[in-house]
Amino acid sequence: MARRSVILGTGSALPKRRLDNAELCETVDTSDQWIVERTGIRTRYIAGDGETTATLAAESARNALEHAGIDATEIDLIVLATATPDQTFPSSATKVQAMLGIPDCVAFDVHAVCTGFLYALSVADSMLRSDNGTKALVIGSETFSRILDWEDRATCVLFGDGAGALVLGTEEGERGILATKLHADGRHNDLLFVDGGPSTTGTVGKLRMKGREVFRHAVINLADVLTEVLGEAGLTSADVDWIVPHQANARILDATAKKLGVSTDKIVVTVDQHANTSAASVPLALDTAVRDGRIKRGDLIVLEAMGGGFTWGAAALRY
């Protein structure tokens, strides 16, 4: 039997403030109908005072630990995916470590924007299977509201804040991560980026995106990487119980499902509730579907995401 990384528990966290389309339209020149028709988004959550990437990450981790029945001191590894860390350094993962009361463990951030959680999951999986610990927290957490241009109606309506986490362990058997595939193509930097940074402008900057071009690349890349990861695992789309995608745009989800020949009934959709939470969106959607009973033990699940860079990736696992 193969030794695999298995999901022991899931958790998530959202800021206190919910911002519906109707309220957003009071300050942004747009409409609820325009947002829903083009994106499927109806509401999102916005971090307030005292709520940061690290605090949301820690809350999601506590919920995942409780779900797993694991004490925080049993964690050997924290990999936190984020493009919006609390500080340039140290990593937000080390802040989460301190908040959870873990005196010593490996802790670091991974930065691959919306694909960050898939990158973090792959890294944690490799480390656990290489005997670098027995239990890991894999977290995606973002406060994208802090890097939005709220006068750019093409982008500010798309994003929200939140966090999601998994507790990973290892065991021999049929369950666990079956395959992961990751990609990047830096030639597309100018299609989705932030116009600032410590080494260039010395500022945080704001998010900029050419939506039509990103949409086109997303549908092609996501369908390809899903086919690729299923092939690596010796599976086909007919074997899949659930696809848990990055929640960027409802039209991307529908187009990807159509390209794969998969029923939209198998797609976990939370973009209407949370908008695009970047690296948090996949674990946030996964926790939602686990908690409401859609995803059950033994289900074959595929996770996928694409983000700025471009980066994209997928993972096949049996929950």
Protein backbone atom coordinates (compact mmCIF):
# COMPACT_ATOMS: atom_id res chain seq x y z
CA MET A 1 0.00 0.00 0.00
CA ALA A 2 1.22 3.48 -0.85
CA ARG A 3 1.87 5.94 1.98
CA ARG A 4 -0.14 9.07 1.28
CA SER A 5 -1.00 12.42 2.79
CA VAL A 6 -4.61 12.36 3.97
CA ILE A 7 -7.01 15.11 5.01
CA LEU A 8 -7.79 14.77 8.70
CA GLY A 9 -9.87 17.93 9.02
CA THR A 10 -10.98 21.11 7.26
CA GLY A 11 -11.74 24.61 8.50
CA SER A 12 -12.43 28.12 7.29
CA ALA A 13 -12.87 31.69 8.49
CA LEU A 14 -14.50 34.84 7.16
CA PRO A 15 -14.33 38.47 8.30
CA LYS A 16 -17.27 39.85 10.26
CA ARG A 17 -18.34 42.34 7.59
CA ARG A 18 -20.37 41.07 4.65
CA LEU A 19 -20.55 43.39 1.64
CA ASP A 20 -23.47 42.61 -0.69
CA ASN A 21 -23.67 43.88 -4.26
CA ALA A 22 -26.43 46.34 -3.34
CA GLU A 23 -24.24 48.04 -0.73
CA LEU A 24 -21.21 48.00 -3.01
CA CYS A 25 -23.22 49.73 -5.73
CA GLU A 26 -23.74 52.71 -3.42
CA THR A 27 -20.06 53.63 -3.83
CA VAL A 28 -19.05 51.94 -7.10
CA ASP A 29 -20.54 52.76 -10.52
CA THR A 30 -22.00 49.33 -11.24
CA SER A 31 -25.16 47.28 -10.63
CA ASP A 32 -26.11 44.02 -8.99
CA GLN A 33 -27.36 42.73 -12.34
CA TRP A 34 -24.06 43.55 -14.08
CA ILE A 35 -22.01 41.81 -11.37
CA VAL A 36 -24.20 38.69 -11.18
CA GLU A 37 -24.52 38.23 -14.95
CA ARG A 38 -20.78 38.53 -15.57
CA THR A 39 -19.36 36.85 -12.47
CA GLY A 40 -22.04 35.07 -10.45
CA ILE A 41 -20.95 37.01 -7.35
CA ARG A 42 -23.65 38.26 -4.99
CA THR A 43 -21.68 39.02 -1.83
CA ARG A 44 -18.20 39.01 -0.34
CA TYR A 45 -16.55 39.54 3.08
CA ILE A 46 -14.20 42.42 3.85
CA ALA A 47 -11.61 42.42 6.64
CA GLY A 48 -12.02 45.14 9.25
CA ASP A 49 -9.83 46.57 11.98
CA GLY A 50 -7.87 43.86 13.73
CA GLU A 51 -8.63 41.29 11.04
CA THR A 52 -5.57 40.34 9.00
CA THR A 53 -4.37 37.51 6.80
CA ALA A 54 -2.72 35.90 9.83
CA THR A 55 -5.70 36.23 12.19
CA LEU A 56 -8.06 34.74 9.58
CA ALA A 57 -5.54 31.98 8.88
CA ALA A 58 -5.25 31.15 12.58
CA GLU A 59 -9.04 31.02 12.97
CA SER A 60 -9.40 28.68 10.00
CA ALA A 61 -6.58 26.52 11.38
CA ARG A 62 -8.26 26.25 14.80
CA ASN A 63 -11.48 25.14 13.11
CA ALA A 64 -9.61 22.54 11.05
CA LEU A 65 -7.78 21.25 14.13
CA GLU A 66 -11.07 20.94 16.01
CA HIS A 67 -12.63 19.09 13.06
CA ALA A 68 -9.66 16.71 12.98
CA GLY A 69 -9.60 16.21 16.74
CA ILE A 70 -5.93 17.23 16.73
CA ASP A 71 -4.15 19.45 19.27
CA ALA A 72 -2.13 22.29 17.78
CA THR A 73 1.04 21.03 19.48
CA GLU A 74 0.91 17.92 17.26
CA ILE A 75 1.56 20.05 14.15
CA ASP A 76 5.06 19.72 12.68
CA LEU A 77 4.61 21.90 9.60
CA ILE A 78 2.64 25.01 8.60
CA VAL A 79 2.54 26.04 4.93
CA LEU A 80 0.51 29.21 4.38
CA ALA A 81 -0.40 30.33 0.87
CA THR A 82 -0.97 34.08 0.53
CA ALA A 83 -0.32 37.04 -1.74
CA THR A 84 -1.32 39.49 1.01
CA PRO A 85 0.91 38.75 4.03
CA ASP A 86 0.68 40.79 7.21
CA GLN A 87 4.26 41.98 6.74
CA THR A 88 6.97 41.79 4.09
CA PHE A 89 8.72 39.58 6.62
CA PRO A 90 8.59 37.51 8.72
CA SER A 91 6.15 35.06 7.17
CA SER A 92 2.51 35.10 8.19
CA ALA A 93 2.90 31.37 8.86
CA THR A 94 5.16 32.13 11.83
CA LYS A 95 2.53 34.53 13.18
CA VAL A 96 -0.05 31.76 12.90
CA GLN A 97 2.34 29.40 14.67
CA ALA A 98 2.58 31.83 17.60
CA MET A 99 -1.19 32.40 17.70
CA LEU A 100 -1.78 28.64 17.87
CA GLY A 101 0.71 28.25 20.73
CA ILE A 102 3.06 25.92 18.85
CA PRO A 103 6.55 26.36 20.36
CA ASP A 104 8.49 24.84 17.45
CA CYS A 105 7.60 23.65 13.96
CA VAL A 106 8.52 24.35 10.35
CA ALA A 107 6.52 27.38 9.18
CA PHE A 108 6.70 29.38 5.96
CA ASP A 109 4.61 31.16 3.33
CA VAL A 110 4.10 30.18 -0.31
CA HIS A 111 3.28 32.86 -2.89
CA ALA A 112 1.59 31.72 -6.09
CA VAL A 113 -1.47 34.00 -5.90
CA CYS A 114 -4.73 32.13 -6.62
CA THR A 115 -2.88 28.85 -7.23
CA GLY A 116 -1.05 29.29 -3.93
CA PHE A 117 -3.06 26.71 -2.04
CA LEU A 118 -2.33 24.03 -4.66
CA TYR A 119 1.38 24.87 -4.45
CA ALA A 120 1.25 24.77 -0.64
CA LEU A 121 -0.61 21.44 -0.67
CA SER A 122 1.95 19.90 -3.01
CA VAL A 123 4.87 21.13 -0.88
CA ALA A 124 3.31 19.84 2.34
CA ASP A 125 2.46 16.50 0.72
CA SER A 126 6.06 16.07 -0.46
CA MET A 127 7.48 17.00 2.94
CA LEU A 128 5.21 14.65 4.88
CA ARG A 129 5.92 11.73 2.56
CA SER A 130 9.65 12.47 2.96
CA ASP A 131 9.31 12.06 6.74
CA ASN A 132 9.57 15.79 7.46
CA GLY A 133 6.92 15.57 10.16
CA THR A 134 3.71 13.60 10.66
CA LYS A 135 1.03 16.31 10.66
CA ALA A 136 0.75 19.58 8.75
CA LEU A 137 -1.49 22.60 8.48
CA VAL A 138 -1.99 23.79 4.90
CA ILE A 139 -3.67 27.18 4.83
CA GLY A 140 -4.81 29.67 2.21
CA SER A 141 -5.56 33.13 3.58
CA GLU A 142 -6.02 36.51 1.91
CA THR A 143 -7.06 40.10 2.57
CA PHE A 144 -7.30 41.20 -1.06
CA SER A 145 -9.52 44.14 -0.09
CA ARG A 146 -6.31 45.86 1.05
CA ILE A 147 -4.81 45.87 -2.48
CA LEU A 148 -7.94 46.72 -4.49
CA ASP A 149 -8.50 49.97 -6.36
CA TRP A 150 -12.04 50.70 -5.22
CA GLU A 151 -12.48 53.12 -8.14
CA ASP A 152 -11.81 50.35 -10.69
CA ARG A 153 -15.21 48.71 -11.04
CA ALA A 154 -13.80 45.99 -13.31
CA THR A 155 -11.75 44.51 -10.47
CA CYS A 156 -13.01 45.70 -7.07
CA VAL A 157 -16.32 43.83 -7.43
CA LEU A 158 -14.54 40.51 -7.95
CA PHE A 159 -12.62 39.94 -4.73
CA GLY A 160 -13.18 39.24 -1.05
CA ASP A 161 -11.28 38.20 2.06
CA GLY A 162 -11.19 34.88 3.90
CA ALA A 163 -9.20 31.80 4.84
CA GLY A 164 -9.38 28.03 4.58
CA ALA A 165 -7.23 25.30 6.11
CA LEU A 166 -6.58 21.56 6.00
CA VAL A 167 -4.94 19.31 8.56
CA LEU A 168 -2.85 16.67 6.79
CA GLY A 169 -1.55 13.43 8.22
CA THR A 170 -0.13 10.31 6.57
CA GLU A 171 -1.40 6.76 6.33
CA GLU A 172 -1.21 3.71 4.07
CA GLY A 173 -4.34 2.89 2.13
CA GLU A 174 -6.67 4.11 -0.58
CA ARG A 175 -7.34 7.56 0.88
CA GLY A 176 -5.22 10.64 0.39
CA ILE A 177 -3.55 12.75 -2.26
CA LEU A 178 -3.17 10.69 -5.44
CA ALA A 179 -1.44 13.21 -7.71
CA THR A 180 -0.60 16.90 -8.06
CA LYS A 181 0.39 18.95 -11.10
CA LEU A 182 1.73 22.52 -11.03
CA HIS A 183 2.60 24.98 -13.79
CA ALA A 184 3.75 28.57 -14.30
CA ASP A 185 4.30 30.86 -17.29
CA GLY A 186 5.78 34.23 -16.33
CA ARG A 187 5.33 35.69 -19.81
CA HIS A 188 1.79 36.70 -18.83
CA ASN A 189 2.74 38.95 -15.91
CA ASP A 190 1.02 42.01 -17.37
CA LEU A 191 -2.40 40.35 -17.60
CA LEU A 192 -2.88 40.02 -13.84
CA PHE A 193 -0.56 41.77 -11.39
CA VAL A 194 -0.12 44.30 -8.59
CA ASP A 195 1.56 47.55 -9.63
CA GLY A 196 3.85 47.81 -6.61
CA GLY A 197 6.33 46.01 -4.41
CA PRO A 198 9.26 46.53 -2.01
CA SER A 199 11.92 46.17 -4.73
CA THR A 200 10.23 48.35 -7.37
CA THR A 201 8.01 51.11 -6.02
CA GLY A 202 8.51 50.62 -2.29
CA THR A 203 4.72 50.51 -1.97
CA VAL A 204 2.11 47.77 -1.72
CA GLY A 205 0.42 48.74 -5.00
CA LYS A 206 -3.00 47.90 -6.39
CA LEU A 207 -4.35 44.94 -8.34
CA ARG A 208 -4.60 45.30 -12.14
CA MET A 209 -6.20 42.81 -14.52
CA LYS A 210 -7.11 42.35 -18.18
CA GLY A 211 -10.16 40.24 -17.56
CA ARG A 212 -10.95 38.99 -21.04
CA GLU A 213 -7.44 37.63 -21.62
CA VAL A 214 -7.32 36.03 -18.16
CA PHE A 215 -10.67 34.32 -18.82
CA ARG A 216 -9.42 32.79 -22.06
CA HIS A 217 -6.23 31.43 -20.51
CA ALA A 218 -8.09 30.17 -17.44
CA VAL A 219 -10.54 27.96 -19.33
CA ILE A 220 -7.81 26.37 -21.44
CA ASN A 221 -5.26 25.91 -18.65
CA LEU A 222 -7.70 24.61 -16.04
CA ALA A 223 -9.26 22.03 -18.36
CA ASP A 224 -5.78 20.87 -19.44
CA VAL A 225 -4.37 20.54 -15.92
CA LEU A 226 -7.45 18.68 -14.69
CA THR A 227 -7.06 16.16 -17.52
CA GLU A 228 -3.35 15.96 -16.74
CA VAL A 229 -3.72 15.27 -13.01
CA LEU A 230 -6.45 12.68 -13.59
CA GLY A 231 -4.19 10.92 -16.10
CA GLU A 232 -1.35 10.94 -13.59
CA ALA A 233 -3.66 9.28 -11.04
CA GLY A 234 -4.90 6.72 -13.59
CA LEU A 235 -8.42 8.18 -13.58
CA THR A 236 -10.87 9.85 -15.94
CA SER A 237 -13.42 12.62 -15.43
CA ALA A 238 -16.10 9.92 -15.08
CA ASP A 239 -14.43 8.79 -11.83
CA VAL A 240 -14.70 12.22 -10.21
CA ASP A 241 -17.33 12.82 -7.53
CA TRP A 242 -16.56 16.52 -6.98
CA ILE A 243 -14.46 19.25 -8.55
CA VAL A 244 -13.52 21.98 -6.08
CA PRO A 245 -12.25 24.85 -8.23
CA HIS A 246 -10.76 28.24 -7.55
CA GLN A 247 -13.77 30.53 -7.20
CA ALA A 248 -12.94 33.34 -9.62
CA ASN A 249 -15.93 33.61 -11.90
CA ALA A 250 -19.04 31.45 -12.40
CA ARG A 251 -18.62 31.64 -16.17
CA ILE A 252 -15.10 30.19 -15.92
CA LEU A 253 -16.46 27.31 -13.82
CA ASP A 254 -19.20 26.58 -16.36
CA ALA A 255 -16.86 26.83 -19.35
CA THR A 256 -14.27 24.54 -17.72
CA ALA A 257 -16.93 21.94 -16.87
CA LYS A 258 -18.21 22.03 -20.46
CA LYS A 259 -14.70 21.63 -21.90
CA LEU A 260 -14.12 18.60 -19.63
CA GLY A 261 -17.52 17.10 -20.32
CA VAL A 262 -18.36 17.15 -16.59
CA SER A 263 -21.81 17.98 -15.23
CA THR A 264 -21.99 21.30 -13.42
CA ASP A 265 -23.77 19.37 -10.63
CA LYS A 266 -20.32 18.02 -9.70
CA ILE A 267 -18.80 21.50 -9.32
CA VAL A 268 -18.63 23.02 -5.82
CA VAL A 269 -19.61 26.67 -6.28
CA THR A 270 -19.18 29.28 -3.55
CA VAL A 271 -18.18 32.28 -5.67
CA ASP A 272 -21.68 33.71 -5.19
CA GLN A 273 -21.13 33.79 -1.41
CA HIS A 274 -17.45 34.69 -1.07
CA ALA A 275 -16.30 36.17 -4.42
CA ASN A 276 -12.66 35.53 -5.39
CA THR A 277 -10.60 35.00 -2.24
CA SER A 278 -7.44 34.05 -4.17
CA ALA A 279 -5.38 31.40 -2.32
CA ALA A 280 -8.19 30.97 0.21
CA SER A 281 -10.89 30.07 -2.29
CA VAL A 282 -10.16 26.35 -2.80
CA PRO A 283 -9.88 25.38 0.90
CA LEU A 284 -12.80 27.69 1.76
CA ALA A 285 -14.98 25.97 -0.86
CA LEU A 286 -13.78 22.53 0.23
CA ASP A 287 -14.63 23.20 3.88
CA THR A 288 -18.05 24.53 2.87
CA ALA A 289 -18.86 21.34 0.95
CA VAL A 290 -17.50 19.07 3.70
CA ARG A 291 -19.48 20.88 6.40
CA ASP A 292 -22.78 20.84 4.47
CA GLY A 293 -22.43 17.13 3.73
CA ARG A 294 -21.92 17.22 -0.02
CA ILE A 295 -18.40 15.82 0.20
CA LYS A 296 -18.22 12.53 2.09
CA ARG A 297 -15.42 10.17 3.11
CA GLY A 298 -14.32 8.08 0.14
CA ASP A 299 -15.30 10.67 -2.48
CA LEU A 300 -12.83 11.30 -5.28
CA ILE A 301 -12.14 15.04 -5.44
CA VAL A 302 -10.17 17.21 -7.82
CA LEU A 303 -8.93 20.63 -6.71
CA GLU A 304 -7.83 23.21 -9.30
CA ALA A 305 -6.80 26.84 -9.53
CA MET A 306 -5.17 29.44 -11.73
CA GLY A 307 -3.74 32.81 -10.75
CA GLY A 308 -1.39 35.65 -11.55
CA GLY A 309 1.98 34.75 -12.95
CA PHE A 310 0.38 32.88 -14.61
CA THR A 311 0.40 29.93 -12.24
CA TRP A 312 -2.01 27.01 -12.37
CA GLY A 313 -2.34 23.56 -10.88
CA ALA A 314 -4.54 20.69 -9.74
CA ALA A 315 -4.64 17.87 -7.21
CA ALA A 316 -6.57 14.59 -7.25
CA LEU A 317 -7.37 13.05 -3.88
CA ARG A 318 -9.68 10.61 -2.19
CA TYR A 319 -11.28 12.26 0.81
